[in-house]
PDB file of N, CA and C in Angstrom:
ATOM      1  N   MET A   1       0.839  -1.179   0.000  1.00  0.00           N
ATOM      2  CA  MET A   1       0.000   0.000   0.000  1.00  0.00           C
ATOM      3  C   MET A   1       0.888   1.248   0.000  1.00  0.00           C
ATOM      4  N   ARG A   2       0.445   2.269  -0.708  1.00  0.00           N
ATOM      5  CA  ARG A   2       1.234   3.491  -0.821  1.00  0.00           C
ATOM      6  C   ARG A   2       1.097   4.369   0.413  1.00  0.00           C
ATOM      7  N   CYS A   3       2.132   5.119   0.641  1.00  0.00           N
ATOM      8  CA  CYS A   3       2.106   6.128   1.699  1.00  0.00           C
ATOM      9  C   CYS A   3       1.154   7.249   1.254  1.00  0.00           C
ATOM     10  N   PRO A   4       0.321   7.801   2.131  1.00  0.00           N
ATOM     11  CA  PRO A   4      -0.645   8.817   1.703  1.00  0.00           C
ATOM     12  C   PRO A   4      -0.009  10.038   1.043  1.00  0.00           C
ATOM     13  N   ALA A   5       1.196  10.379   1.438  1.00  0.00           N
ATOM     14  CA  ALA A   5       1.841  11.559   0.861  1.00  0.00           C
ATOM     15  C   ALA A   5       2.320  11.316  -0.563  1.00  0.00           C
ATOM     16  N   LYS A   6       2.395  10.059  -0.961  1.00  0.00           N
ATOM     17  CA  LYS A   6       2.920   9.768  -2.292  1.00  0.00           C
ATOM     18  C   LYS A   6       1.829   9.410  -3.295  1.00  0.00           C
ATOM     19  N   THR A   7       0.580   9.537  -2.916  1.00  0.00           N
ATOM     20  CA  THR A   7      -0.501   9.271  -3.860  1.00  0.00           C
ATOM     21  C   THR A   7      -0.611  10.448  -4.825  1.00  0.00           C
ATOM     22  N   PRO A   8      -1.131  10.224  -6.007  1.00  0.00           N
ATOM     23  CA  PRO A   8      -1.262  11.327  -6.971  1.00  0.00           C
ATOM     24  C   PRO A   8      -2.141  12.470  -6.460  1.00  0.00           C
ATOM     25  N   GLN A   9      -3.185  12.140  -5.716  1.00  0.00           N
ATOM     26  CA  GLN A   9      -4.062  13.183  -5.190  1.00  0.00           C
ATOM     27  C   GLN A   9      -3.321  14.054  -4.171  1.00  0.00           C
ATOM     28  N   ALA A  10      -2.546  13.426  -3.297  1.00  0.00           N
ATOM     29  CA  ALA A  10      -1.772  14.184  -2.309  1.00  0.00           C
ATOM     30  C   ALA A  10      -0.716  15.037  -2.996  1.00  0.00           C
ATOM     31  N   ALA A  11      -0.117  14.505  -4.043  1.00  0.00           N
ATOM     32  CA  ALA A  11       0.885  15.271  -4.787  1.00  0.00           C
ATOM     33  C   ALA A  11       0.245  16.495  -5.439  1.00  0.00           C
ATOM     34  N   ARG A  12      -0.965  16.338  -5.972  1.00  0.00           N
ATOM     35  CA  ARG A  12      -1.676  17.461  -6.577  1.00  0.00           C
ATOM     36  C   ARG A  12      -2.005  18.535  -5.544  1.00  0.00           C
ATOM     37  N   GLU A  13      -2.445  18.107  -4.371  1.00  0.00           N
ATOM     38  CA  GLU A  13      -2.771  19.066  -3.314  1.00  0.00           C
ATOM     39  C   GLU A  13      -1.525  19.816  -2.848  1.00  0.00           C
ATOM     40  N   LEU A  14      -0.422  19.098  -2.719  1.00  0.00           N
ATOM     41  CA  LEU A  14       0.832  19.728  -2.315  1.00  0.00           C
ATOM     42  C   LEU A  14       1.308  20.713  -3.381  1.00  0.00           C
ATOM     43  N   ALA A  15       1.192  20.335  -4.639  1.00  0.00           N
ATOM     44  CA  ALA A  15       1.593  21.222  -5.732  1.00  0.00           C
ATOM     45  C   ALA A  15       0.712  22.468  -5.766  1.00  0.00           C
ATOM     46  N   SER A  16      -0.555  22.306  -5.449  1.00  0.00           N
ATOM     47  CA  SER A  16      -1.464  23.447  -5.416  1.00  0.00           C
ATOM     48  C   SER A  16      -1.062  24.433  -4.326  1.00  0.00           C
ATOM     49  N   ARG A  17      -0.706  23.917  -3.159  1.00  0.00           N
ATOM     50  CA  ARG A  17      -0.254  24.791  -2.066  1.00  0.00           C
ATOM     51  C   ARG A  17       1.046  25.489  -2.430  1.00  0.00           C
ATOM     52  N   ARG A  18       1.961  24.745  -3.003  1.00  0.00           N
ATOM     53  CA  ARG A  18       3.250  25.335  -3.375  1.00  0.00           C
ATOM     54  C   ARG A  18       3.083  26.420  -4.421  1.00  0.00           C
ATOM     55  N   ALA A  19       2.181  26.215  -5.370  1.00  0.00           N
ATOM     56  CA  ALA A  19       1.978  27.197  -6.428  1.00  0.00           C
ATOM     57  C   ALA A  19       1.517  28.528  -5.853  1.00  0.00           C
ATOM     58  N   LYS A  20       0.664  28.487  -4.851  1.00  0.00           N
ATOM     59  CA  LYS A  20       0.183  29.728  -4.241  1.00  0.00           C
ATOM     60  C   LYS A  20       1.313  30.470  -3.539  1.00  0.00           C
ATOM     61  N   VAL A  21       2.173  29.732  -2.866  1.00  0.00           N
ATOM     62  CA  VAL A  21       3.283  30.356  -2.146  1.00  0.00           C
ATOM     63  C   VAL A  21       4.344  30.846  -3.122  1.00  0.00           C
ATOM     64  N   GLU A  22       4.670  30.048  -4.118  1.00  0.00           N
ATOM     65  CA  GLU A  22       5.708  30.425  -5.077  1.00  0.00           C
ATOM     66  C   GLU A  22       5.305  31.656  -5.877  1.00  0.00           C
ATOM     67  N   TYR A  23       4.018  31.847  -6.100  1.00  0.00           N
ATOM     68  CA  TYR A  23       3.555  33.025  -6.818  1.00  0.00           C
ATOM     69  C   TYR A  23       3.922  34.291  -6.053  1.00  0.00           C
ATOM     70  N   VAL A  24       3.777  34.252  -4.737  1.00  0.00           N
ATOM     71  CA  VAL A  24       4.110  35.419  -3.917  1.00  0.00           C
ATOM     72  C   VAL A  24       5.605  35.717  -4.000  1.00  0.00           C
ATOM     73  N   PHE A  25       6.447  34.679  -3.912  1.00  0.00           N
ATOM     74  CA  PHE A  25       7.885  34.897  -4.000  1.00  0.00           C
ATOM     75  C   PHE A  25       8.292  35.391  -5.385  1.00  0.00           C
ATOM     76  N   ARG A  26       7.637  34.909  -6.430  1.00  0.00           N
ATOM     77  CA  ARG A  26       7.911  35.399  -7.780  1.00  0.00           C
ATOM     78  C   ARG A  26       7.558  36.875  -7.874  1.00  0.00           C
ATOM     79  N   ASP A  27       6.440  37.225  -7.284  1.00  0.00           N
ATOM     80  CA  ASP A  27       6.004  38.609  -7.287  1.00  0.00           C
ATOM     81  C   ASP A  27       7.015  39.502  -6.577  1.00  0.00           C
ATOM     82  N   ILE A  28       7.517  39.049  -5.447  1.00  0.00           N
ATOM     83  CA  ILE A  28       8.499  39.830  -4.688  1.00  0.00           C
ATOM     84  C   ILE A  28       9.790  39.983  -5.486  1.00  0.00           C
ATOM     85  N   LYS A  29      10.231  38.914  -6.136  1.00  0.00           N
ATOM     86  CA  LYS A  29      11.483  38.983  -6.885  1.00  0.00           C
ATOM     87  C   LYS A  29      11.363  39.859  -8.119  1.00  0.00           C
ATOM     88  N   ILE A  30      10.256  39.760  -8.843  1.00  0.00           N
ATOM     89  CA  ILE A  30      10.125  40.496 -10.096  1.00  0.00           C
ATOM     90  C   ILE A  30       9.701  41.942  -9.860  1.00  0.00           C
ATOM     91  N   ARG A  31       8.638  42.141  -9.087  1.00  0.00           N
ATOM     92  CA  ARG A  31       8.129  43.494  -8.876  1.00  0.00           C
ATOM     93  C   ARG A  31       9.067  44.371  -8.065  1.00  0.00           C
ATOM     94  N   PHE A  32       9.638  43.795  -7.008  1.00  0.00           N
ATOM     95  CA  PHE A  32      10.405  44.597  -6.071  1.00  0.00           C
ATOM     96  C   PHE A  32      11.905  44.386  -6.180  1.00  0.00           C
ATOM     97  N   GLY A  33      12.354  43.545  -7.093  1.00  0.00           N
ATOM     98  CA  GLY A  33      13.777  43.376  -7.338  1.00  0.00           C
ATOM     99  C   GLY A  33      14.545  42.705  -6.219  1.00  0.00           C
ATOM    100  N   TYR A  34      13.942  41.740  -5.569  1.00  0.00           N
ATOM    101  CA  TYR A  34      14.610  41.065  -4.456  1.00  0.00           C
ATOM    102  C   TYR A  34      15.350  39.836  -4.972  1.00  0.00           C
ATOM    103  N   ALA A  35      16.343  40.056  -5.822  1.00  0.00           N
ATOM    104  CA  ALA A  35      17.119  38.947  -6.362  1.00  0.00           C
ATOM    105  C   ALA A  35      18.341  38.656  -5.497  1.00  0.00           C
ATOM    106  N   LYS A  36      18.907  39.701  -4.931  1.00  0.00           N
ATOM    107  CA  LYS A  36      20.089  39.555  -4.076  1.00  0.00           C
ATOM    108  C   LYS A  36      19.869  40.341  -2.794  1.00  0.00           C
ATOM    109  N   ASN A  37      20.614  39.972  -1.775  1.00  0.00           N
ATOM    110  CA  ASN A  37      20.552  40.727  -0.532  1.00  0.00           C
ATOM    111  C   ASN A  37      21.248  42.062  -0.714  1.00  0.00           C
ATOM    112  N   ARG A  38      20.615  43.094  -0.241  1.00  0.00           N
ATOM    113  CA  ARG A  38      21.160  44.431  -0.397  1.00  0.00           C
ATOM    114  C   ARG A  38      22.064  44.823   0.763  1.00  0.00           C
ATOM    115  N   TYR A  39      21.769  44.306   1.937  1.00  0.00           N
ATOM    116  CA  TYR A  39      22.474  44.734   3.140  1.00  0.00           C
ATOM    117  C   TYR A  39      23.340  43.620   3.703  1.00  0.00           C
ATOM    118  N   ARG A  40      24.277  44.003   4.559  1.00  0.00           N
ATOM    119  CA  ARG A  40      25.035  43.026   5.326  1.00  0.00           C
ATOM    120  C   ARG A  40      24.301  42.794   6.629  1.00  0.00           C
ATOM    121  N   GLY A  41      24.251  41.563   7.034  1.00  0.00           N
ATOM    122  CA  GLY A  41      23.605  41.261   8.308  1.00  0.00           C
ATOM    123  C   GLY A  41      22.207  40.711   8.122  1.00  0.00           C
ATOM    124  N   LEU A  42      21.848  39.824   9.006  1.00  0.00           N
ATOM    125  CA  LEU A  42      20.560  39.158   8.913  1.00  0.00           C
ATOM    126  C   LEU A  42      19.398  40.064   9.285  1.00  0.00           C
ATOM    127  N   VAL A  43      19.607  40.958  10.226  1.00  0.00           N
ATOM    128  CA  VAL A  43      18.503  41.771  10.735  1.00  0.00           C
ATOM    129  C   VAL A  43      17.953  42.695   9.648  1.00  0.00           C
ATOM    130  N   LYS A  44      18.825  43.398   8.950  1.00  0.00           N
ATOM    131  CA  LYS A  44      18.372  44.320   7.905  1.00  0.00           C
ATOM    132  C   LYS A  44      17.721  43.572   6.745  1.00  0.00           C
ATOM    133  N   ASN A  45      18.304  42.449   6.339  1.00  0.00           N
ATOM    134  CA  ASN A  45      17.723  41.678   5.246  1.00  0.00           C
ATOM    135  C   ASN A  45      16.397  41.050   5.650  1.00  0.00           C
ATOM    136  N   ALA A  46      16.291  40.595   6.890  1.00  0.00           N
ATOM    137  CA  ALA A  46      15.022  40.042   7.371  1.00  0.00           C
ATOM    138  C   ALA A  46      13.955  41.128   7.425  1.00  0.00           C
ATOM    139  N   ALA A  47      14.343  42.324   7.845  1.00  0.00           N
ATOM    140  CA  ALA A  47      13.395  43.436   7.893  1.00  0.00           C
ATOM    141  C   ALA A  47      12.922  43.803   6.490  1.00  0.00           C
ATOM    142  N   ARG A  48      13.828  43.809   5.543  1.00  0.00           N
ATOM    143  CA  ARG A  48      13.458  44.129   4.159  1.00  0.00           C
ATOM    144  C   ARG A  48      12.524  43.073   3.586  1.00  0.00           C
ATOM    145  N   LEU A  49      12.832  41.807   3.831  1.00  0.00           N
ATOM    146  CA  LEU A  49      11.975  40.736   3.332  1.00  0.00           C
ATOM    147  C   LEU A  49      10.594  40.795   3.981  1.00  0.00           C
ATOM    148  N   THR A  50      10.546  41.078   5.271  1.00  0.00           N
ATOM    149  CA  THR A  50       9.261  41.212   5.961  1.00  0.00           C
ATOM    150  C   THR A  50       8.450  42.360   5.376  1.00  0.00           C
ATOM    151  N   PHE A  51       9.105  43.472   5.125  1.00  0.00           N
ATOM    152  CA  PHE A  51       8.435  44.626   4.538  1.00  0.00           C
ATOM    153  C   PHE A  51       7.909  44.306   3.139  1.00  0.00           C
ATOM    154  N   LEU A  52       8.720  43.644   2.328  1.00  0.00           N
ATOM    155  CA  LEU A  52       8.298  43.312   0.970  1.00  0.00           C
ATOM    156  C   LEU A  52       7.151  42.306   0.958  1.00  0.00           C
ATOM    157  N   THR A  53       7.177  41.341   1.870  1.00  0.00           N
ATOM    158  CA  THR A  53       6.062  40.387   1.928  1.00  0.00           C
ATOM    159  C   THR A  53       4.788  41.083   2.391  1.00  0.00           C
ATOM    160  N   ALA A  54       4.912  42.048   3.294  1.00  0.00           N
ATOM    161  CA  ALA A  54       3.729  42.799   3.724  1.00  0.00           C
ATOM    162  C   ALA A  54       3.141  43.590   2.555  1.00  0.00           C
ATOM    163  N   ILE A  55       4.002  44.230   1.772  1.00  0.00           N
ATOM    164  CA  ILE A  55       3.529  44.977   0.604  1.00  0.00           C
ATOM    165  C   ILE A  55       2.870  44.034  -0.398  1.00  0.00           C
ATOM    166  N   ALA A  56       3.485  42.877  -0.629  1.00  0.00           N
ATOM    167  CA  ALA A  56       2.915  41.911  -1.568  1.00  0.00           C
ATOM    168  C   ALA A  56       1.549  41.438  -1.090  1.00  0.00           C
ATOM    169  N   ASN A  57       1.395  41.220   0.216  1.00  0.00           N
ATOM    170  CA  ASN A  57       0.099  40.806   0.748  1.00  0.00           C
ATOM    171  C   ASN A  57      -0.949  41.897   0.589  1.00  0.00           C
ATOM    172  N   VAL A  58      -0.557  43.146   0.798  1.00  0.00           N
ATOM    173  CA  VAL A  58      -1.498  44.252   0.619  1.00  0.00           C
ATOM    174  C   VAL A  58      -1.932  44.338  -0.837  1.00  0.00           C
ATOM    175  N   LEU A  59      -0.986  44.207  -1.754  1.00  0.00           N
ATOM    176  CA  LEU A  59      -1.330  44.268  -3.173  1.00  0.00           C
ATOM    177  C   LEU A  59      -2.213  43.103  -3.587  1.00  0.00           C
ATOM    178  N   ARG A  60      -1.933  41.910  -3.063  1.00  0.00           N
ATOM    179  CA  ARG A  60      -2.786  40.757  -3.370  1.00  0.00           C
ATOM    180  C   ARG A  60      -4.184  40.955  -2.803  1.00  0.00           C
ATOM    181  N   GLY A  61      -4.271  41.493  -1.594  1.00  0.00           N
ATOM    182  CA  GLY A  61      -5.577  41.751  -0.992  1.00  0.00           C
ATOM    183  C   GLY A  61      -6.356  42.787  -1.767  1.00  0.00           C
ATOM    184  N   ASP A  62      -5.658  43.815  -2.239  1.00  0.00           N
ATOM    185  CA  ASP A  62      -6.307  44.848  -3.033  1.00  0.00           C
ATOM    186  C   ASP A  62      -6.823  44.275  -4.348  1.00  0.00           C
ATOM    187  N   ALA A  63      -6.022  43.434  -4.982  1.00  0.00           N
ATOM    188  CA  ALA A  63      -6.449  42.807  -6.235  1.00  0.00           C
ATOM    189  C   ALA A  63      -7.635  41.881  -5.993  1.00  0.00           C
ATOM    190  N   TYR A  64      -7.607  41.145  -4.893  1.00  0.00           N
ATOM    191  CA  TYR A  64      -8.719  40.249  -4.564  1.00  0.00           C
ATOM    192  C   TYR A  64      -9.991  41.050  -4.303  1.00  0.00           C
ATOM    193  N   GLU A  65      -9.851  42.161  -3.588  1.00  0.00           N
ATOM    194  CA  GLU A  65     -11.013  42.987  -3.282  1.00  0.00           C
ATOM    195  C   GLU A  65     -11.603  43.595  -4.545  1.00  0.00           C
ATOM    196  N   SER A  66     -10.764  44.070  -5.447  1.00  0.00           N
ATOM    197  CA  SER A  66     -11.280  44.662  -6.682  1.00  0.00           C
ATOM    198  C   SER A  66     -11.947  43.614  -7.558  1.00  0.00           C
ATOM    199  N   ARG A  67     -11.423  42.375  -7.548  1.00  0.00           N
ATOM    200  CA  ARG A  67     -12.081  41.299  -8.299  1.00  0.00           C
ATOM    201  C   ARG A  67     -13.445  40.990  -7.717  1.00  0.00           C
ATOM    202  N   SER A  68     -13.554  40.955  -6.396  1.00  0.00           N
ATOM    203  CA  SER A  68     -14.836  40.636  -5.774  1.00  0.00           C
ATOM    204  C   SER A  68     -15.834  41.771  -5.981  1.00  0.00           C
ATOM    205  N   LEU A  69     -15.364  43.027  -6.021  1.00  0.00           N
ATOM    206  CA  LEU A  69     -16.266  44.140  -6.296  1.00  0.00           C
ATOM    207  C   LEU A  69     -16.789  44.075  -7.720  1.00  0.00           C
ATOM    208  N   ILE A  70     -15.925  43.726  -8.653  1.00  0.00           N
ATOM    209  CA  ILE A  70     -16.347  43.604 -10.051  1.00  0.00           C
ATOM    210  C   ILE A  70     -17.340  42.457 -10.194  1.00  0.00           C
ATOM    211  N   ALA A  71     -17.079  41.354  -9.526  1.00  0.00           N
ATOM    212  CA  ALA A  71     -17.983  40.206  -9.605  1.00  0.00           C
ATOM    213  C   ALA A  71     -19.337  40.522  -8.982  1.00  0.00           C
ATOM    214  N   SER A  72     -19.371  41.335  -7.938  1.00  0.00           N
ATOM    215  CA  SER A  72     -20.641  41.662  -7.296  1.00  0.00           C
ATOM    216  C   SER A  72     -21.463  42.637  -8.135  1.00  0.00           C
ATOM    217  N   GLU A  73     -20.810  43.402  -9.006  1.00  0.00           N
ATOM    218  CA  GLU A  73     -21.529  44.348  -9.862  1.00  0.00           C
ATOM    219  C   GLU A  73     -22.203  43.661 -11.034  1.00  0.00           C
ATOM    220  N   ILE A  74     -21.728  42.491 -11.395  1.00  0.00           N
ATOM    221  CA  ILE A  74     -22.275  41.794 -12.572  1.00  0.00           C
ATOM    222  C   ILE A  74     -23.602  41.196 -12.284  1.00  0.00           C
TER     223      ILE A  74
END
């Protein structure tokens, strides 16, 4: 019998979760230019990454809200 994590359905669910997370990181890298660390030290780079993820979440929330407003008008 197969392990539950190795079934095709479980693999699809895992890939679906990863796709949602990877989209956010792609957005941060492309939109905000986070390809390399800008600062020396973990604290400054962690602060920058936290700030960029917060901005990405706000932009995603704004896009989601505008989509739901458009859908409610139809």
